Amino acid sequence: MGIIGWIILGLLAGAIAKFLLPGRDPGGLLGTTLIGIAGAFVGGWISARWLDHPINKAFYDGATWAAAIGGSLVLLIAYRILFGNSRD
């Protein structure tokens, strides 16, 4: 899967992470989208590095989606902890 596939996966993973973790985000829609893209890359890297699951699988691989969504959730939670009160 190429870089464009990871960006598309990141956009979708960010939307799913936002659905699973509702609430106000400090960065709004654009921030959540960028966190989703970064989360897909981070989740794929963690999956390949420490979970021994290579990321060069097909776009519809369940483990790839789980890694991308998990990475997005982790980054979204960290972002909320670090910058949670910036919109108040």
C-alpha atoms as a PDB file:
ATOM      1  CA  MET A   1       0.000   0.000   0.000  1.00  0.00           C
ATOM      2  CA  GLY A   2       1.445   3.358  -0.995  1.00  0.00           C
ATOM      3  CA  ILE A   3       1.532   6.724   0.695  1.00  0.00           C
ATOM      4  CA  ILE A   4      -1.797   7.794  -0.841  1.00  0.00           C
ATOM      5  CA  GLY A   5      -3.428   4.654   0.548  1.00  0.00           C
ATOM      6  CA  TRP A   6      -2.096   5.457   4.040  1.00  0.00           C
ATOM      7  CA  ILE A   7      -3.401   9.020   3.796  1.00  0.00           C
ATOM      8  CA  ILE A   8      -6.860   7.797   2.795  1.00  0.00           C
ATOM      9  CA  LEU A   9      -6.732   5.169   5.526  1.00  0.00           C
ATOM     10  CA  GLY A  10      -5.665   7.889   7.978  1.00  0.00           C
ATOM     11  CA  LEU A  11      -8.594  10.099   7.040  1.00  0.00           C
ATOM     12  CA  LEU A  12     -11.004   7.246   7.611  1.00  0.00           C
ATOM     13  CA  ALA A  13      -9.239   6.112  10.785  1.00  0.00           C
ATOM     14  CA  GLY A  14      -9.403   9.667  12.153  1.00  0.00           C
ATOM     15  CA  ALA A  15     -13.139   9.790  11.494  1.00  0.00           C
ATOM     16  CA  ILE A  16     -13.630   6.434  13.200  1.00  0.00           C
ATOM     17  CA  ALA A  17     -11.475   7.506  16.155  1.00  0.00           C
ATOM     18  CA  LYS A  18     -13.525  10.705  16.470  1.00  0.00           C
ATOM     19  CA  PHE A  19     -16.711   8.605  16.412  1.00  0.00           C
ATOM     20  CA  LEU A  20     -15.335   6.291  19.123  1.00  0.00           C
ATOM     21  CA  LEU A  21     -14.052   9.214  21.223  1.00  0.00           C
ATOM     22  CA  PRO A  22     -16.630  12.005  20.884  1.00  0.00           C
ATOM     23  CA  GLY A  23     -16.216  15.432  22.375  1.00  0.00           C
ATOM     24  CA  ARG A  24     -14.604  18.737  21.626  1.00  0.00           C
ATOM     25  CA  ASP A  25     -11.142  18.559  20.152  1.00  0.00           C
ATOM     26  CA  PRO A  26      -8.702  21.428  20.538  1.00  0.00           C
ATOM     27  CA  GLY A  27      -7.861  21.384  16.828  1.00  0.00           C
ATOM     28  CA  GLY A  28     -11.346  20.991  15.417  1.00  0.00           C
ATOM     29  CA  LEU A  29     -12.039  18.993  12.279  1.00  0.00           C
ATOM     30  CA  LEU A  30      -8.730  19.818  10.597  1.00  0.00           C
ATOM     31  CA  GLY A  31      -6.721  18.867  13.682  1.00  0.00           C
ATOM     32  CA  THR A  32      -8.621  15.607  14.079  1.00  0.00           C
ATOM     33  CA  THR A  33      -8.048  14.780  10.420  1.00  0.00           C
ATOM     34  CA  LEU A  34      -4.315  15.410  10.659  1.00  0.00           C
ATOM     35  CA  ILE A  35      -4.161  13.357  13.853  1.00  0.00           C
ATOM     36  CA  GLY A  36      -5.929  10.533  11.995  1.00  0.00           C
ATOM     37  CA  ILE A  37      -3.363  10.589   9.202  1.00  0.00           C
ATOM     38  CA  ALA A  38      -0.467  10.692  11.670  1.00  0.00           C
ATOM     39  CA  GLY A  39      -2.143   7.946  13.720  1.00  0.00           C
ATOM     40  CA  ALA A  40      -2.338   5.684  10.683  1.00  0.00           C
ATOM     41  CA  PHE A  41       1.381   6.092  10.100  1.00  0.00           C
ATOM     42  CA  VAL A  42       2.228   5.636  13.791  1.00  0.00           C
ATOM     43  CA  GLY A  43      -0.065   2.614  14.131  1.00  0.00           C
ATOM     44  CA  GLY A  44       1.402   1.032  11.002  1.00  0.00           C
ATOM     45  CA  TRP A  45       4.930   1.663  12.225  1.00  0.00           C
ATOM     46  CA  ILE A  46       4.174   0.181  15.662  1.00  0.00           C
ATOM     47  CA  SER A  47       2.503  -2.801  14.025  1.00  0.00           C
ATOM     48  CA  ALA A  48       5.497  -3.474  11.798  1.00  0.00           C
ATOM     49  CA  ARG A  49       8.138  -2.716  14.414  1.00  0.00           C
ATOM     50  CA  TRP A  50       6.869  -4.362  17.592  1.00  0.00           C
ATOM     51  CA  LEU A  51       3.872  -6.514  16.682  1.00  0.00           C
ATOM     52  CA  ASP A  52       5.629  -8.314  13.818  1.00  0.00           C
ATOM     53  CA  HIS A  53       2.816  -7.611  11.359  1.00  0.00           C
ATOM     54  CA  PRO A  54       4.128  -6.077   8.134  1.00  0.00           C
ATOM     55  CA  ILE A  55       2.216  -3.083   6.836  1.00  0.00           C
ATOM     56  CA  ASN A  56       2.576  -3.850   3.147  1.00  0.00           C
ATOM     57  CA  LYS A  57      -0.682  -5.788   3.132  1.00  0.00           C
ATOM     58  CA  ALA A  58      -3.808  -4.928   1.176  1.00  0.00           C
ATOM     59  CA  PHE A  59      -5.901  -1.855   1.977  1.00  0.00           C
ATOM     60  CA  TYR A  60      -8.713  -4.022   3.348  1.00  0.00           C
ATOM     61  CA  ASP A  61      -6.560  -5.952   5.824  1.00  0.00           C
ATOM     62  CA  GLY A  62      -8.224  -5.923   9.249  1.00  0.00           C
ATOM     63  CA  ALA A  63      -4.965  -5.717  11.179  1.00  0.00           C
ATOM     64  CA  THR A  64      -3.894  -2.684   9.165  1.00  0.00           C
ATOM     65  CA  TRP A  65      -7.188  -0.946   9.944  1.00  0.00           C
ATOM     66  CA  ALA A  66      -6.915  -1.863  13.626  1.00  0.00           C
ATOM     67  CA  ALA A  67      -3.379  -0.456  13.768  1.00  0.00           C
ATOM     68  CA  ALA A  68      -4.434   2.778  12.039  1.00  0.00           C
ATOM     69  CA  ILE A  69      -7.484   3.293  14.255  1.00  0.00           C
ATOM     70  CA  GLY A  70      -5.518   2.394  17.377  1.00  0.00           C
ATOM     71  CA  GLY A  71      -2.763   4.837  16.454  1.00  0.00           C
ATOM     72  CA  SER A  72      -5.354   7.539  15.799  1.00  0.00           C
ATOM     73  CA  LEU A  73      -7.013   6.937  19.164  1.00  0.00           C
ATOM     74  CA  VAL A  74      -3.693   7.085  21.004  1.00  0.00           C
ATOM     75  CA  LEU A  75      -2.684  10.337  19.310  1.00  0.00           C
ATOM     76  CA  LEU A  76      -6.149  11.863  19.808  1.00  0.00           C
ATOM     77  CA  ILE A  77      -6.100  11.045  23.519  1.00  0.00           C
ATOM     78  CA  ALA A  78      -2.555  12.409  23.886  1.00  0.00           C
ATOM     79  CA  TYR A  79      -3.547  15.567  22.007  1.00  0.00           C
ATOM     80  CA  ARG A  80      -6.546  16.102  24.267  1.00  0.00           C
ATOM     81  CA  ILE A  81      -4.409  15.609  27.376  1.00  0.00           C
ATOM     82  CA  LEU A  82      -1.749  18.062  26.175  1.00  0.00           C
ATOM     83  CA  PHE A  83      -3.957  20.736  24.595  1.00  0.00           C
ATOM     84  CA  GLY A  84      -7.421  19.978  25.968  1.00  0.00           C
ATOM     85  CA  ASN A  85      -8.204  23.407  27.387  1.00  0.00           C
ATOM     86  CA  SER A  86      -7.014  25.527  24.471  1.00  0.00           C
ATOM     87  CA  ARG A  87     -10.565  26.087  23.099  1.00  0.00           C
ATOM     88  CA  ASP A  88     -12.133  27.204  26.387  1.00  0.00           C
END
